[in-house]
C-alpha cells in the first residue's frame, strides 16, 4: 500500500462524507507533500481533540514514507469560507516533528522492533 492509498483509507474511515475526500500528492526536493481536503463538517473528526488525530495520522504517514525511503508530510486545507483556526491546518514548515529520525518516530509509536 502506498502513501496515498493509506491516507485515503484512513481518512475515509473517519469521515461522514467519504466522497468529499480529496488528496493531492506532490513531490519536490523536500520530499512528499500530501494535501488533504475534506467536507467542512468532517474537519473535527480529522483534526481530533487538540489536534491529536491529525498528529497521529502524520506520524503514521511518516512511517509509511520511511518504508519507501521518502519524507512524507501532511497539510490539511481549511474548508472554503471557514474562520481560520490554528488547530485545523498546520503548514509543513511549522510541523514540529517533521524532522524526527526514524528511531524517534518508532519511539512515538511504541513499537518494539
N, C-alpha and C. Protein backbone atom coordinates (compact mmCIF):
# COMPACT_ATOMS: atom_id res chain seq x y z
N UNK A 1 0.85 -1.18 0.00
CA UNK A 1 0.00 0.00 0.00
C UNK A 1 0.89 1.24 0.00
N UNK A 2 0.65 2.13 -0.94
CA UNK A 2 1.46 3.35 -0.98
C UNK A 2 0.85 4.43 -0.09
N UNK A 3 1.52 5.56 0.01
CA UNK A 3 1.12 6.60 0.95
C UNK A 3 -0.26 7.19 0.64
N UNK A 4 -0.58 7.37 -0.64
CA UNK A 4 -1.88 7.97 -0.97
C UNK A 4 -3.02 7.00 -0.68
N UNK A 5 -2.81 5.72 -0.95
CA UNK A 5 -3.83 4.72 -0.64
C UNK A 5 -4.04 4.61 0.87
N UNK A 6 -2.94 4.66 1.62
CA UNK A 6 -3.01 4.59 3.07
C UNK A 6 -3.81 5.77 3.63
N UNK A 7 -3.46 6.99 3.20
CA UNK A 7 -4.14 8.18 3.70
C UNK A 7 -5.62 8.15 3.33
N UNK A 8 -5.93 7.78 2.10
CA UNK A 8 -7.32 7.72 1.66
C UNK A 8 -8.11 6.72 2.50
N UNK A 9 -7.53 5.57 2.76
CA UNK A 9 -8.19 4.54 3.56
C UNK A 9 -8.50 5.04 4.98
N UNK A 10 -7.50 5.66 5.62
CA UNK A 10 -7.66 6.14 7.00
C UNK A 10 -8.69 7.26 7.06
N UNK A 11 -8.57 8.25 6.19
CA UNK A 11 -9.46 9.40 6.24
C UNK A 11 -10.89 9.00 5.92
N UNK A 12 -11.10 8.20 4.90
CA UNK A 12 -12.46 7.79 4.53
C UNK A 12 -13.12 6.97 5.63
N UNK A 13 -12.32 6.27 6.43
CA UNK A 13 -12.87 5.51 7.56
C UNK A 13 -13.31 6.44 8.70
N UNK A 14 -12.73 7.63 8.78
CA UNK A 14 -13.04 8.58 9.85
C UNK A 14 -14.24 9.48 9.58
N UNK A 15 -14.46 9.82 8.32
CA UNK A 15 -15.40 10.91 7.99
C UNK A 15 -16.80 10.41 7.65
N UNK A 16 -17.75 11.36 7.71
CA UNK A 16 -19.14 11.08 7.35
C UNK A 16 -19.39 11.27 5.85
N UNK A 17 -18.52 12.03 5.18
CA UNK A 17 -18.68 12.32 3.75
C UNK A 17 -17.44 11.84 2.98
N UNK A 18 -17.28 10.51 2.84
CA UNK A 18 -16.07 9.98 2.19
C UNK A 18 -15.92 10.40 0.73
N UNK A 19 -17.02 10.71 0.06
CA UNK A 19 -16.94 11.12 -1.35
C UNK A 19 -16.34 12.51 -1.51
N UNK A 20 -16.29 13.28 -0.42
CA UNK A 20 -15.73 14.63 -0.46
C UNK A 20 -14.23 14.66 -0.13
N UNK A 21 -13.64 13.51 0.15
CA UNK A 21 -12.21 13.45 0.47
C UNK A 21 -11.41 13.61 -0.82
N UNK A 22 -10.51 14.58 -0.80
CA UNK A 22 -9.62 14.81 -1.95
C UNK A 22 -8.20 14.89 -1.44
N UNK A 23 -7.32 14.14 -2.09
CA UNK A 23 -5.92 14.10 -1.70
C UNK A 23 -5.07 14.46 -2.91
N UNK A 24 -4.16 15.39 -2.70
CA UNK A 24 -3.22 15.77 -3.76
C UNK A 24 -1.82 15.42 -3.26
N UNK A 25 -1.05 14.78 -4.10
CA UNK A 25 0.31 14.36 -3.74
C UNK A 25 1.30 15.08 -4.64
N UNK A 26 2.24 15.81 -4.02
CA UNK A 26 3.29 16.48 -4.78
C UNK A 26 4.64 16.06 -4.22
N UNK A 27 5.62 16.01 -5.10
CA UNK A 27 6.97 15.63 -4.71
C UNK A 27 7.93 16.74 -5.12
N UNK A 28 8.81 17.13 -4.20
CA UNK A 28 9.86 18.10 -4.52
C UNK A 28 11.12 17.71 -3.76
N UNK A 29 12.09 18.62 -3.73
CA UNK A 29 13.37 18.29 -3.07
C UNK A 29 13.22 18.07 -1.56
N UNK A 30 12.12 18.56 -0.98
CA UNK A 30 11.87 18.39 0.46
C UNK A 30 11.20 17.06 0.78
N UNK A 31 10.68 16.38 -0.22
CA UNK A 31 10.01 15.11 0.00
C UNK A 31 8.61 15.12 -0.60
N UNK A 32 7.72 14.37 0.02
CA UNK A 32 6.36 14.21 -0.46
C UNK A 32 5.44 15.08 0.41
N UNK A 33 4.57 15.84 -0.23
CA UNK A 33 3.57 16.61 0.49
C UNK A 33 2.19 16.10 0.09
N UNK A 34 1.45 15.62 1.08
CA UNK A 34 0.09 15.17 0.87
C UNK A 34 -0.81 16.32 1.33
N UNK A 35 -1.66 16.82 0.45
CA UNK A 35 -2.59 17.89 0.78
C UNK A 35 -3.99 17.30 0.81
N UNK A 36 -4.67 17.50 1.94
CA UNK A 36 -5.97 16.87 2.18
C UNK A 36 -7.08 17.91 2.24
N UNK A 37 -8.16 17.63 1.53
CA UNK A 37 -9.39 18.42 1.59
C UNK A 37 -10.51 17.48 2.00
N UNK A 38 -11.32 17.91 2.98
CA UNK A 38 -12.47 17.12 3.42
C UNK A 38 -13.68 18.05 3.53
N UNK A 39 -14.85 17.47 3.66
CA UNK A 39 -16.08 18.22 3.86
C UNK A 39 -15.94 19.03 5.16
N UNK A 40 -16.43 20.28 5.17
CA UNK A 40 -16.30 21.12 6.38
C UNK A 40 -16.82 20.46 7.66
N UNK A 41 -17.89 19.67 7.55
CA UNK A 41 -18.44 19.00 8.72
C UNK A 41 -17.52 17.91 9.28
N UNK A 42 -16.57 17.46 8.47
CA UNK A 42 -15.68 16.38 8.89
C UNK A 42 -14.35 16.87 9.45
N UNK A 43 -14.10 18.17 9.43
CA UNK A 43 -12.81 18.69 9.90
C UNK A 43 -12.52 18.28 11.34
N UNK A 44 -13.50 18.36 12.20
CA UNK A 44 -13.30 18.00 13.61
C UNK A 44 -12.87 16.55 13.78
N UNK A 45 -13.42 15.67 12.97
CA UNK A 45 -13.05 14.25 13.05
C UNK A 45 -11.61 14.02 12.59
N UNK A 46 -11.21 14.75 11.56
CA UNK A 46 -9.86 14.57 11.01
C UNK A 46 -8.81 15.20 11.94
N UNK A 47 -9.14 16.35 12.51
CA UNK A 47 -8.20 17.03 13.40
C UNK A 47 -8.16 16.36 14.77
N UNK A 48 -9.31 16.06 15.32
CA UNK A 48 -9.37 15.43 16.63
C UNK A 48 -9.18 16.43 17.75
N UNK A 49 -9.42 16.00 18.97
CA UNK A 49 -9.27 16.86 20.13
C UNK A 49 -7.82 17.27 20.28
N UNK A 50 -7.61 18.57 20.36
CA UNK A 50 -6.27 19.16 20.50
C UNK A 50 -5.34 18.75 19.35
N UNK A 51 -5.92 18.37 18.22
CA UNK A 51 -5.11 18.01 17.06
C UNK A 51 -4.48 16.63 17.13
N UNK A 52 -4.92 15.82 18.09
CA UNK A 52 -4.27 14.52 18.29
C UNK A 52 -4.49 13.54 17.14
N UNK A 53 -5.66 13.55 16.51
CA UNK A 53 -5.90 12.64 15.39
C UNK A 53 -5.00 13.02 14.21
N UNK A 54 -4.93 14.32 13.91
CA UNK A 54 -4.07 14.78 12.82
C UNK A 54 -2.61 14.44 13.09
N UNK A 55 -2.17 14.61 14.34
CA UNK A 55 -0.78 14.28 14.70
C UNK A 55 -0.52 12.79 14.48
N UNK A 56 -1.46 11.95 14.89
CA UNK A 56 -1.30 10.50 14.73
C UNK A 56 -1.24 10.11 13.25
N UNK A 57 -2.09 10.73 12.45
CA UNK A 57 -2.08 10.45 11.00
C UNK A 57 -0.74 10.87 10.40
N UNK A 58 -0.23 12.02 10.81
CA UNK A 58 1.07 12.48 10.29
C UNK A 58 2.19 11.51 10.67
N UNK A 59 2.17 11.03 11.90
CA UNK A 59 3.21 10.08 12.34
C UNK A 59 3.12 8.80 11.51
N UNK A 60 1.92 8.28 11.32
CA UNK A 60 1.76 7.06 10.52
C UNK A 60 2.19 7.26 9.08
N UNK A 61 1.87 8.44 8.52
CA UNK A 61 2.31 8.72 7.15
C UNK A 61 3.83 8.76 7.05
N UNK A 62 4.48 9.31 8.07
CA UNK A 62 5.95 9.34 8.06
C UNK A 62 6.52 7.93 8.10
N UNK A 63 5.89 7.05 8.87
CA UNK A 63 6.36 5.65 8.94
C UNK A 63 6.17 4.97 7.58
N UNK A 64 5.03 5.20 6.93
CA UNK A 64 4.81 4.66 5.59
C UNK A 64 5.87 5.20 4.64
N UNK A 65 6.17 6.49 4.75
CA UNK A 65 7.20 7.11 3.91
C UNK A 65 8.57 6.52 4.16
N UNK A 66 8.90 6.29 5.43
CA UNK A 66 10.22 5.72 5.76
C UNK A 66 10.38 4.35 5.12
N UNK A 67 9.30 3.60 5.07
CA UNK A 67 9.34 2.27 4.44
C UNK A 67 9.72 2.39 2.97
N UNK A 68 9.34 3.53 2.36
CA UNK A 68 9.63 3.77 0.94
C UNK A 68 10.76 4.77 0.75
N UNK A 69 11.54 5.01 1.80
CA UNK A 69 12.66 5.96 1.76
C UNK A 69 12.24 7.33 1.28
N UNK A 70 11.09 7.80 1.75
CA UNK A 70 10.59 9.13 1.38
C UNK A 70 10.15 9.87 2.64
N UNK A 71 10.33 11.17 2.61
CA UNK A 71 9.86 12.01 3.71
C UNK A 71 8.46 12.51 3.35
N UNK A 72 7.47 12.11 4.14
CA UNK A 72 6.08 12.43 3.82
C UNK A 72 5.53 13.39 4.87
N UNK A 73 4.91 14.47 4.40
CA UNK A 73 4.25 15.43 5.28
C UNK A 73 2.81 15.60 4.84
N UNK A 74 1.96 16.01 5.78
CA UNK A 74 0.54 16.18 5.52
C UNK A 74 0.12 17.61 5.81
N UNK A 75 -0.60 18.20 4.87
CA UNK A 75 -1.22 19.51 5.07
C UNK A 75 -2.72 19.32 4.94
N UNK A 76 -3.46 19.80 5.93
CA UNK A 76 -4.91 19.72 5.90
C UNK A 76 -5.43 21.10 5.56
N UNK A 77 -6.10 21.23 4.43
CA UNK A 77 -6.60 22.53 3.98
C UNK A 77 -7.84 22.96 4.75
N UNK A 78 -7.93 24.26 5.00
CA UNK A 78 -9.13 24.86 5.59
C UNK A 78 -10.27 24.74 4.60
N UNK A 79 -11.48 24.43 5.07
CA UNK A 79 -12.62 24.46 4.16
C UNK A 79 -12.89 25.89 3.71
N UNK A 80 -13.34 26.09 2.51
CA UNK A 80 -13.61 27.43 1.98
C UNK A 80 -14.68 28.12 2.83
N UNK A 81 -14.43 29.38 3.16
CA UNK A 81 -15.40 30.17 3.89
C UNK A 81 -15.39 29.99 5.39
N UNK A 82 -14.51 29.17 5.93
CA UNK A 82 -14.49 28.98 7.38
C UNK A 82 -13.52 29.95 8.02
N UNK A 83 -13.74 30.19 9.30
CA UNK A 83 -12.83 31.07 10.04
C UNK A 83 -11.54 30.31 10.30
N UNK A 84 -10.38 30.90 10.04
CA UNK A 84 -9.12 30.21 10.27
C UNK A 84 -8.96 29.82 11.73
N UNK A 85 -8.58 28.58 11.94
CA UNK A 85 -8.31 28.10 13.28
C UNK A 85 -6.96 27.42 13.26
N UNK A 86 -6.17 27.72 14.23
CA UNK A 86 -4.80 27.21 14.27
C UNK A 86 -4.76 25.68 14.28
N UNK A 87 -5.73 25.03 14.94
CA UNK A 87 -5.70 23.59 15.07
C UNK A 87 -6.12 22.86 13.80
N UNK A 88 -6.79 23.56 12.85
CA UNK A 88 -7.23 22.91 11.62
C UNK A 88 -6.08 22.51 10.72
N UNK A 89 -5.18 23.42 10.48
CA UNK A 89 -4.18 23.20 9.47
C UNK A 89 -2.84 23.70 9.96
N UNK A 90 -1.83 22.95 9.72
CA UNK A 90 -0.51 23.46 10.08
C UNK A 90 0.39 23.28 8.88
N UNK A 91 0.94 24.38 8.37
CA UNK A 91 1.84 24.28 7.23
C UNK A 91 3.01 23.35 7.55
N UNK A 92 3.53 22.74 6.53
CA UNK A 92 4.61 21.77 6.70
C UNK A 92 5.77 22.36 7.50
N UNK A 93 6.09 23.62 7.26
CA UNK A 93 7.25 24.22 7.93
C UNK A 93 7.04 24.35 9.43
N UNK A 94 5.78 24.34 9.90
CA UNK A 94 5.56 24.51 11.33
C UNK A 94 5.28 23.20 12.04
N UNK A 95 5.35 22.08 11.35
CA UNK A 95 5.14 20.80 11.98
C UNK A 95 6.38 20.48 12.81
N UNK A 96 6.26 20.49 14.15
CA UNK A 96 7.45 20.34 14.98
C UNK A 96 8.16 19.02 14.82
N UNK A 97 7.44 17.94 14.51
CA UNK A 97 8.07 16.64 14.45
C UNK A 97 8.47 16.24 13.03
N UNK A 98 8.43 17.18 12.07
CA UNK A 98 8.72 16.85 10.68
C UNK A 98 10.16 16.38 10.49
N UNK A 99 11.07 16.73 11.40
CA UNK A 99 12.46 16.35 11.23
C UNK A 99 12.87 15.23 12.18
N UNK A 100 11.92 14.45 12.66
CA UNK A 100 12.24 13.34 13.55
C UNK A 100 13.04 12.27 12.81
N UNK A 101 13.87 11.60 13.56
CA UNK A 101 14.60 10.48 12.98
C UNK A 101 13.68 9.27 12.96
N UNK A 102 14.08 8.24 12.27
CA UNK A 102 13.31 7.00 12.24
C UNK A 102 13.15 6.47 13.65
N UNK A 103 14.22 6.50 14.45
CA UNK A 103 14.16 5.99 15.81
C UNK A 103 13.16 6.77 16.66
N UNK A 104 13.13 8.10 16.51
CA UNK A 104 12.18 8.91 17.28
C UNK A 104 10.74 8.61 16.87
N UNK A 105 10.51 8.46 15.58
CA UNK A 105 9.15 8.17 15.11
C UNK A 105 8.71 6.79 15.60
N UNK A 106 9.61 5.83 15.58
CA UNK A 106 9.27 4.50 16.08
C UNK A 106 9.01 4.54 17.58
N UNK A 107 9.77 5.33 18.32
CA UNK A 107 9.53 5.51 19.74
C UNK A 107 8.15 6.07 19.98
N UNK A 108 7.75 7.06 19.17
CA UNK A 108 6.42 7.65 19.30
C UNK A 108 5.33 6.62 19.14
N UNK A 109 5.56 5.65 18.28
CA UNK A 109 4.57 4.61 18.02
C UNK A 109 4.62 3.48 19.05
N UNK A 110 5.61 3.53 19.94
CA UNK A 110 5.80 2.49 20.97
C UNK A 110 5.93 1.10 20.36
N UNK A 111 6.66 1.02 19.27
CA UNK A 111 6.89 -0.26 18.62
C UNK A 111 8.21 -0.85 19.13
N UNK A 112 8.17 -2.09 19.45
CA UNK A 112 9.39 -2.79 19.86
C UNK A 112 9.84 -3.67 18.71
N UNK A 113 10.87 -3.21 18.01
CA UNK A 113 11.36 -3.99 16.86
C UNK A 113 12.68 -4.62 17.18
